[in-house]
Amino acid sequence: MTLTRRQWALIALVTLLWGLNWPMMKFALREVSPLYFRAITMSGGTLTLIAFFAWRGVPLRVSRGQALRLLWLALPNIIGWHLCSIIGLSQLPSGRAVILAFTMPVWTVLLTVLLFGERMNARTWLAVVAGVASVGLLAANELVALAGRPIGVLWLQGGALSWAVATWVEPWPAWGLWPASTWGSLGFGVFLNFGFAQVIWFSLVRALPARASAFGVMAVPLVGISSATVIVGEVLRPTDWLAAVCIAVAIFSATGGAARPARSDNPAP
């Protein structure tokens, strides 16, 4: 599956914004609690998207049937993803958190095989293996620390779930004490991550096959781990760079590795 130059450019822009967002979130979590951070950025991002689509004249009203489907899709994609990812980010370095979070392209490919009968060719298998290898490399330190205690891992996961359920009520944020950098991180999350990047992503997923769009954003961790050294002072290790190579292999394998000029019968998104 070969991408046009315009599609490559859009994927690169989304990659940059979403990659930078992880260390920016980690930075903001120094002052803002995880659930309040999500409440602020998701609410602000939703209002941004509503304003944008209203300006474009896109109707936002949905039927009852569509509303039920929308609610069903929102449970894992919005509530589950954003809740689990922000809690996980608060416990891990942002570089490793973004790698662990972006195992989702691997699951996307496997689900298309399971649910839609798509076949796994050699290129796709290479992409999946390289993606999984990158996750294993970057998670190695955390896995070694827990080695030999699988029951402890289960207890920790159960505790994390219990903590999430039991701590919906958090202290009211100290808005007046937040520095300008924290407000800047929140603004990045609202207007660029949830707003601008989402609009681009919507256009990509409508135009590209599931595998290309999913593995295309696997470059997000590359930006995340690189920018984390500047934004939050995290130190990269040799395994981080090796994992970056694995991700590059996964992207190349999944997307075809080269751009081509757009044809007149293949409109850009």
Protein backbone atom coordinates (compact mmCIF):
# COMPACT_ATOMS: atom_id res chain seq x y z
CA MET A 1 0.00 0.00 0.00
CA THR A 2 1.77 3.13 -1.26
CA LEU A 3 0.93 6.60 0.07
CA THR A 4 0.74 9.88 -1.80
CA ARG A 5 3.04 12.77 -0.91
CA ARG A 6 0.11 14.63 0.66
CA GLN A 7 -0.76 11.64 2.82
CA TRP A 8 2.88 11.31 3.90
CA ALA A 9 2.89 15.00 4.87
CA LEU A 10 -0.32 14.67 6.89
CA ILE A 11 0.94 11.57 8.68
CA ALA A 12 4.19 13.39 9.46
CA LEU A 13 2.29 16.35 10.93
CA VAL A 14 0.07 14.14 13.10
CA THR A 15 3.16 12.21 14.17
CA LEU A 16 4.90 15.40 15.29
CA LEU A 17 1.92 16.73 17.24
CA TRP A 18 1.01 13.45 18.91
CA GLY A 19 4.64 12.60 19.66
CA LEU A 20 5.29 15.96 21.32
CA ASN A 21 2.06 15.59 23.26
CA TRP A 22 3.39 12.76 25.46
CA PRO A 23 6.26 14.64 27.13
CA MET A 24 4.04 17.73 27.21
CA MET A 25 1.45 15.74 29.15
CA LYS A 26 4.15 14.42 31.49
CA PHE A 27 5.28 17.99 32.07
CA ALA A 28 1.75 19.14 32.91
CA LEU A 29 1.25 16.24 35.33
CA ARG A 30 3.81 17.86 37.62
CA GLU A 31 1.12 20.39 38.54
CA VAL A 32 -2.18 18.83 37.43
CA SER A 33 -3.67 15.54 38.67
CA PRO A 34 -4.34 12.93 35.93
CA LEU A 35 -8.14 13.04 35.95
CA TYR A 36 -8.34 16.83 36.04
CA PHE A 37 -5.82 16.97 33.20
CA ARG A 38 -7.99 14.71 31.07
CA ALA A 39 -11.16 16.61 32.04
CA ILE A 40 -9.63 19.94 31.00
CA THR A 41 -8.00 18.85 27.74
CA MET A 42 -10.82 16.61 26.53
CA SER A 43 -13.53 19.16 27.33
CA GLY A 44 -11.55 21.95 25.69
CA GLY A 45 -10.70 19.73 22.72
CA THR A 46 -14.34 18.77 22.25
CA LEU A 47 -15.39 22.42 22.18
CA THR A 48 -12.59 23.15 19.69
CA LEU A 49 -13.79 20.39 17.35
CA ILE A 50 -17.42 21.51 17.66
CA ALA A 51 -16.42 25.06 16.77
CA PHE A 52 -14.34 23.91 13.80
CA PHE A 53 -17.00 21.64 12.29
CA ALA A 54 -19.71 24.22 12.91
CA TRP A 55 -17.56 26.76 11.03
CA ARG A 56 -17.20 24.26 8.17
CA GLY A 57 -20.95 23.73 8.14
CA VAL A 58 -20.73 20.06 9.07
CA PRO A 59 -23.98 18.88 10.73
CA LEU A 60 -23.34 17.55 14.23
CA ARG A 61 -26.78 16.21 15.06
CA VAL A 62 -27.04 12.40 15.14
CA SER A 63 -30.01 10.06 15.21
CA ARG A 64 -30.83 7.88 18.19
CA GLY A 65 -29.34 4.85 16.46
CA GLN A 66 -26.17 6.72 15.65
CA ALA A 67 -25.99 8.08 19.20
CA LEU A 68 -26.09 4.57 20.65
CA ARG A 69 -23.36 3.43 18.27
CA LEU A 70 -21.32 6.54 19.08
CA LEU A 71 -21.65 5.86 22.80
CA TRP A 72 -20.58 2.25 22.32
CA LEU A 73 -17.50 3.27 20.34
CA ALA A 74 -16.65 5.99 22.87
CA LEU A 75 -16.39 3.54 25.78
CA PRO A 76 -13.13 1.89 24.64
CA ASN A 77 -11.80 4.55 22.27
CA ILE A 78 -12.34 7.65 24.41
CA ILE A 79 -13.01 6.69 28.02
CA GLY A 80 -10.92 3.53 28.20
CA TRP A 81 -7.97 4.79 26.15
CA HIS A 82 -7.65 8.25 27.69
CA LEU A 83 -8.25 7.13 31.27
CA CYS A 84 -5.79 4.24 31.16
CA SER A 85 -3.13 6.13 29.21
CA ILE A 86 -3.01 9.15 31.52
CA ILE A 87 -2.84 6.98 34.64
CA GLY A 88 -0.10 4.88 33.05
CA LEU A 89 1.80 8.01 32.01
CA SER A 90 1.72 9.30 35.58
CA GLN A 91 3.54 6.10 36.66
CA LEU A 92 6.14 5.75 33.87
CA PRO A 93 8.65 7.87 31.94
CA SER A 94 6.91 9.45 28.97
CA GLY A 95 9.22 7.79 26.43
CA ARG A 96 8.38 4.28 27.57
CA ALA A 97 4.75 5.13 28.19
CA VAL A 98 4.24 6.24 24.59
CA ILE A 99 5.83 3.04 23.27
CA LEU A 100 3.62 0.84 25.46
CA ALA A 101 0.54 2.86 24.53
CA PHE A 102 1.22 2.61 20.82
CA THR A 103 0.97 -1.15 20.69
CA MET A 104 -2.49 -0.31 19.34
CA PRO A 105 -1.40 -0.51 15.67
CA VAL A 106 -0.39 -4.15 16.22
CA TRP A 107 -3.81 -4.87 17.66
CA THR A 108 -5.44 -3.03 14.77
CA VAL A 109 -3.78 -5.31 12.25
CA LEU A 110 -4.63 -8.46 14.17
CA LEU A 111 -8.25 -7.36 14.57
CA THR A 112 -8.62 -6.72 10.84
CA VAL A 113 -7.44 -10.28 10.27
CA LEU A 114 -9.79 -11.70 12.89
CA LEU A 115 -12.89 -9.63 12.16
CA PHE A 116 -12.62 -8.80 8.45
CA GLY A 117 -10.69 -11.76 7.10
CA GLU A 118 -7.70 -9.78 5.81
CA ARG A 119 -4.65 -11.90 5.04
CA MET A 120 -1.27 -11.50 6.70
CA ASN A 121 1.36 -11.21 3.98
CA ALA A 122 5.13 -11.20 4.59
CA ARG A 123 5.33 -7.40 4.74
CA THR A 124 2.56 -7.20 7.35
CA TRP A 125 4.12 -9.95 9.44
CA LEU A 126 7.41 -8.06 9.42
CA ALA A 127 5.63 -4.89 10.54
CA VAL A 128 3.90 -6.71 13.40
CA VAL A 129 7.08 -8.47 14.56
CA ALA A 130 9.10 -5.24 14.41
CA GLY A 131 6.43 -3.34 16.33
CA VAL A 132 6.24 -5.97 19.06
CA ALA A 133 10.06 -6.08 19.25
CA SER A 134 10.19 -2.33 19.83
CA VAL A 135 7.71 -2.61 22.69
CA GLY A 136 9.67 -5.46 24.25
CA LEU A 137 12.93 -3.52 24.08
CA LEU A 138 11.58 -0.35 25.65
CA ALA A 139 9.64 -2.22 28.33
CA ALA A 140 12.64 -4.41 29.22
CA ASN A 141 13.66 -2.48 32.31
CA GLU A 142 10.16 -2.49 33.77
CA LEU A 143 9.72 -6.20 32.97
CA VAL A 144 13.09 -7.11 34.55
CA ALA A 145 12.10 -5.27 37.71
CA LEU A 146 8.97 -7.44 37.93
CA ALA A 147 10.57 -10.69 36.75
CA GLY A 148 9.75 -13.75 38.79
CA ARG A 149 6.70 -12.19 40.43
CA PRO A 150 3.77 -12.66 38.06
CA ILE A 151 1.29 -12.63 40.95
CA GLY A 152 2.66 -9.27 41.97
CA VAL A 153 2.04 -7.96 38.47
CA LEU A 154 -1.61 -9.04 38.72
CA TRP A 155 -1.97 -7.40 42.11
CA LEU A 156 -0.49 -4.17 40.78
CA GLN A 157 -2.87 -4.16 37.85
CA GLY A 158 -5.80 -4.83 40.15
CA GLY A 159 -4.65 -2.01 42.40
CA ALA A 160 -4.38 0.36 39.46
CA LEU A 161 -7.94 -0.50 38.43
CA SER A 162 -9.21 -0.04 41.98
CA TRP A 163 -7.40 3.28 42.25
CA ALA A 164 -9.02 4.48 39.05
CA VAL A 165 -12.49 3.54 40.25
CA ALA A 166 -12.06 4.94 43.76
CA THR A 167 -10.41 8.29 43.04
CA TRP A 168 -12.83 10.10 40.75
CA VAL A 169 -13.11 12.83 43.37
CA GLU A 170 -9.81 14.70 43.50
CA PRO A 171 -8.74 17.93 45.24
CA TRP A 172 -9.79 21.05 43.38
CA PRO A 173 -6.90 22.25 41.18
CA ALA A 174 -4.85 25.18 42.43
CA TRP A 175 -5.38 27.17 39.23
CA GLY A 176 -3.67 30.28 40.49
CA LEU A 177 -0.45 28.45 41.34
CA TRP A 178 0.11 26.91 37.92
CA PRO A 179 3.06 28.41 36.02
CA ALA A 180 2.75 29.61 32.44
CA SER A 181 4.46 26.41 31.22
CA THR A 182 1.65 24.29 32.68
CA TRP A 183 -0.98 26.43 30.96
CA GLY A 184 1.03 26.09 27.75
CA SER A 185 1.01 22.29 28.07
CA LEU A 186 -2.75 22.33 28.58
CA GLY A 187 -3.20 24.61 25.58
CA PHE A 188 -1.11 22.24 23.44
CA GLY A 189 -3.34 19.35 24.51
CA VAL A 190 -6.59 21.21 23.86
CA PHE A 191 -5.95 22.99 20.57
CA LEU A 192 -3.21 20.96 18.86
CA ASN A 193 -3.56 17.40 20.17
CA PHE A 194 -7.34 17.12 20.60
CA GLY A 195 -8.24 19.77 18.06
CA PHE A 196 -6.02 20.24 15.02
CA ALA A 197 -4.42 16.77 14.96
CA GLN A 198 -7.78 15.04 15.33
CA VAL A 199 -9.16 16.80 12.25
CA ILE A 200 -6.17 15.61 10.20
CA TRP A 201 -6.48 12.09 11.60
CA PHE A 202 -10.16 11.90 10.66
CA SER A 203 -9.27 12.67 7.05
CA LEU A 204 -6.51 10.05 7.04
CA VAL A 205 -8.51 7.14 8.43
CA ARG A 206 -11.25 7.75 5.84
CA ALA A 207 -8.77 7.63 2.96
CA LEU A 208 -6.19 5.00 3.99
CA PRO A 209 -6.44 1.25 4.66
CA ALA A 210 -6.51 0.35 8.35
CA ARG A 211 -2.98 -1.06 8.29
CA ALA A 212 -1.42 2.00 6.68
CA SER A 213 -3.14 4.52 8.94
CA ALA A 214 -2.43 2.45 12.06
CA PHE A 215 1.24 1.76 11.45
CA GLY A 216 1.78 5.23 10.05
CA VAL A 217 1.31 6.69 13.52
CA MET A 218 3.77 4.23 15.01
CA ALA A 219 6.31 6.96 14.32
CA VAL A 220 4.67 8.88 17.18
CA PRO A 221 6.87 7.11 19.78
CA LEU A 222 9.98 8.17 17.84
CA VAL A 223 9.06 11.80 18.36
CA GLY A 224 7.91 11.09 21.92
CA ILE A 225 11.12 9.49 23.16
CA SER A 226 13.31 12.05 21.37
CA SER A 227 11.47 15.13 22.60
CA ALA A 228 11.24 13.73 26.14
CA THR A 229 14.95 14.45 26.61
CA VAL A 230 14.34 18.15 25.98
CA ILE A 231 10.93 18.67 27.59
CA VAL A 232 11.15 16.52 30.74
CA GLY A 233 14.86 15.61 30.85
CA GLU A 234 14.52 11.86 30.31
CA VAL A 235 17.70 9.99 29.33
CA LEU A 236 17.56 7.65 26.33
CA ARG A 237 19.29 4.26 26.48
CA PRO A 238 20.72 2.06 23.70
CA THR A 239 17.59 -0.11 23.80
CA ASP A 240 15.50 3.00 23.12
CA TRP A 241 17.36 3.68 19.88
CA LEU A 242 17.20 0.02 18.85
CA ALA A 243 13.46 0.13 19.44
CA ALA A 244 13.30 3.23 17.25
CA VAL A 245 14.90 1.25 14.42
CA CYS A 246 12.29 -1.49 14.89
CA ILE A 247 9.50 1.07 14.63
CA ALA A 248 11.00 2.49 11.45
CA VAL A 249 11.04 -1.03 9.98
CA ALA A 250 7.41 -1.50 11.00
CA ILE A 251 6.35 1.74 9.30
CA PHE A 252 8.30 0.97 6.13
CA SER A 253 6.83 -2.53 5.92
CA ALA A 254 3.26 -1.45 6.54
CA THR A 255 3.11 1.55 4.22
CA GLY A 256 5.15 0.36 1.25
CA GLY A 257 8.12 2.63 1.98
CA ALA A 258 7.74 5.17 -0.82
CA ALA A 259 5.46 8.02 -1.79
CA ARG A 260 3.98 8.43 -5.24
CA PRO A 261 2.27 11.29 -7.04
CA ALA A 262 -1.49 11.47 -6.57
CA ARG A 263 -3.59 10.35 -9.54
CA SER A 264 -6.54 12.38 -10.71
CA ASP A 265 -8.92 9.52 -9.88
CA ASN A 266 -7.51 9.17 -6.38
CA PRO A 267 -8.42 12.44 -4.62
CA ALA A 268 -6.38 13.50 -1.61
CA PRO A 269 -8.19 13.64 1.75
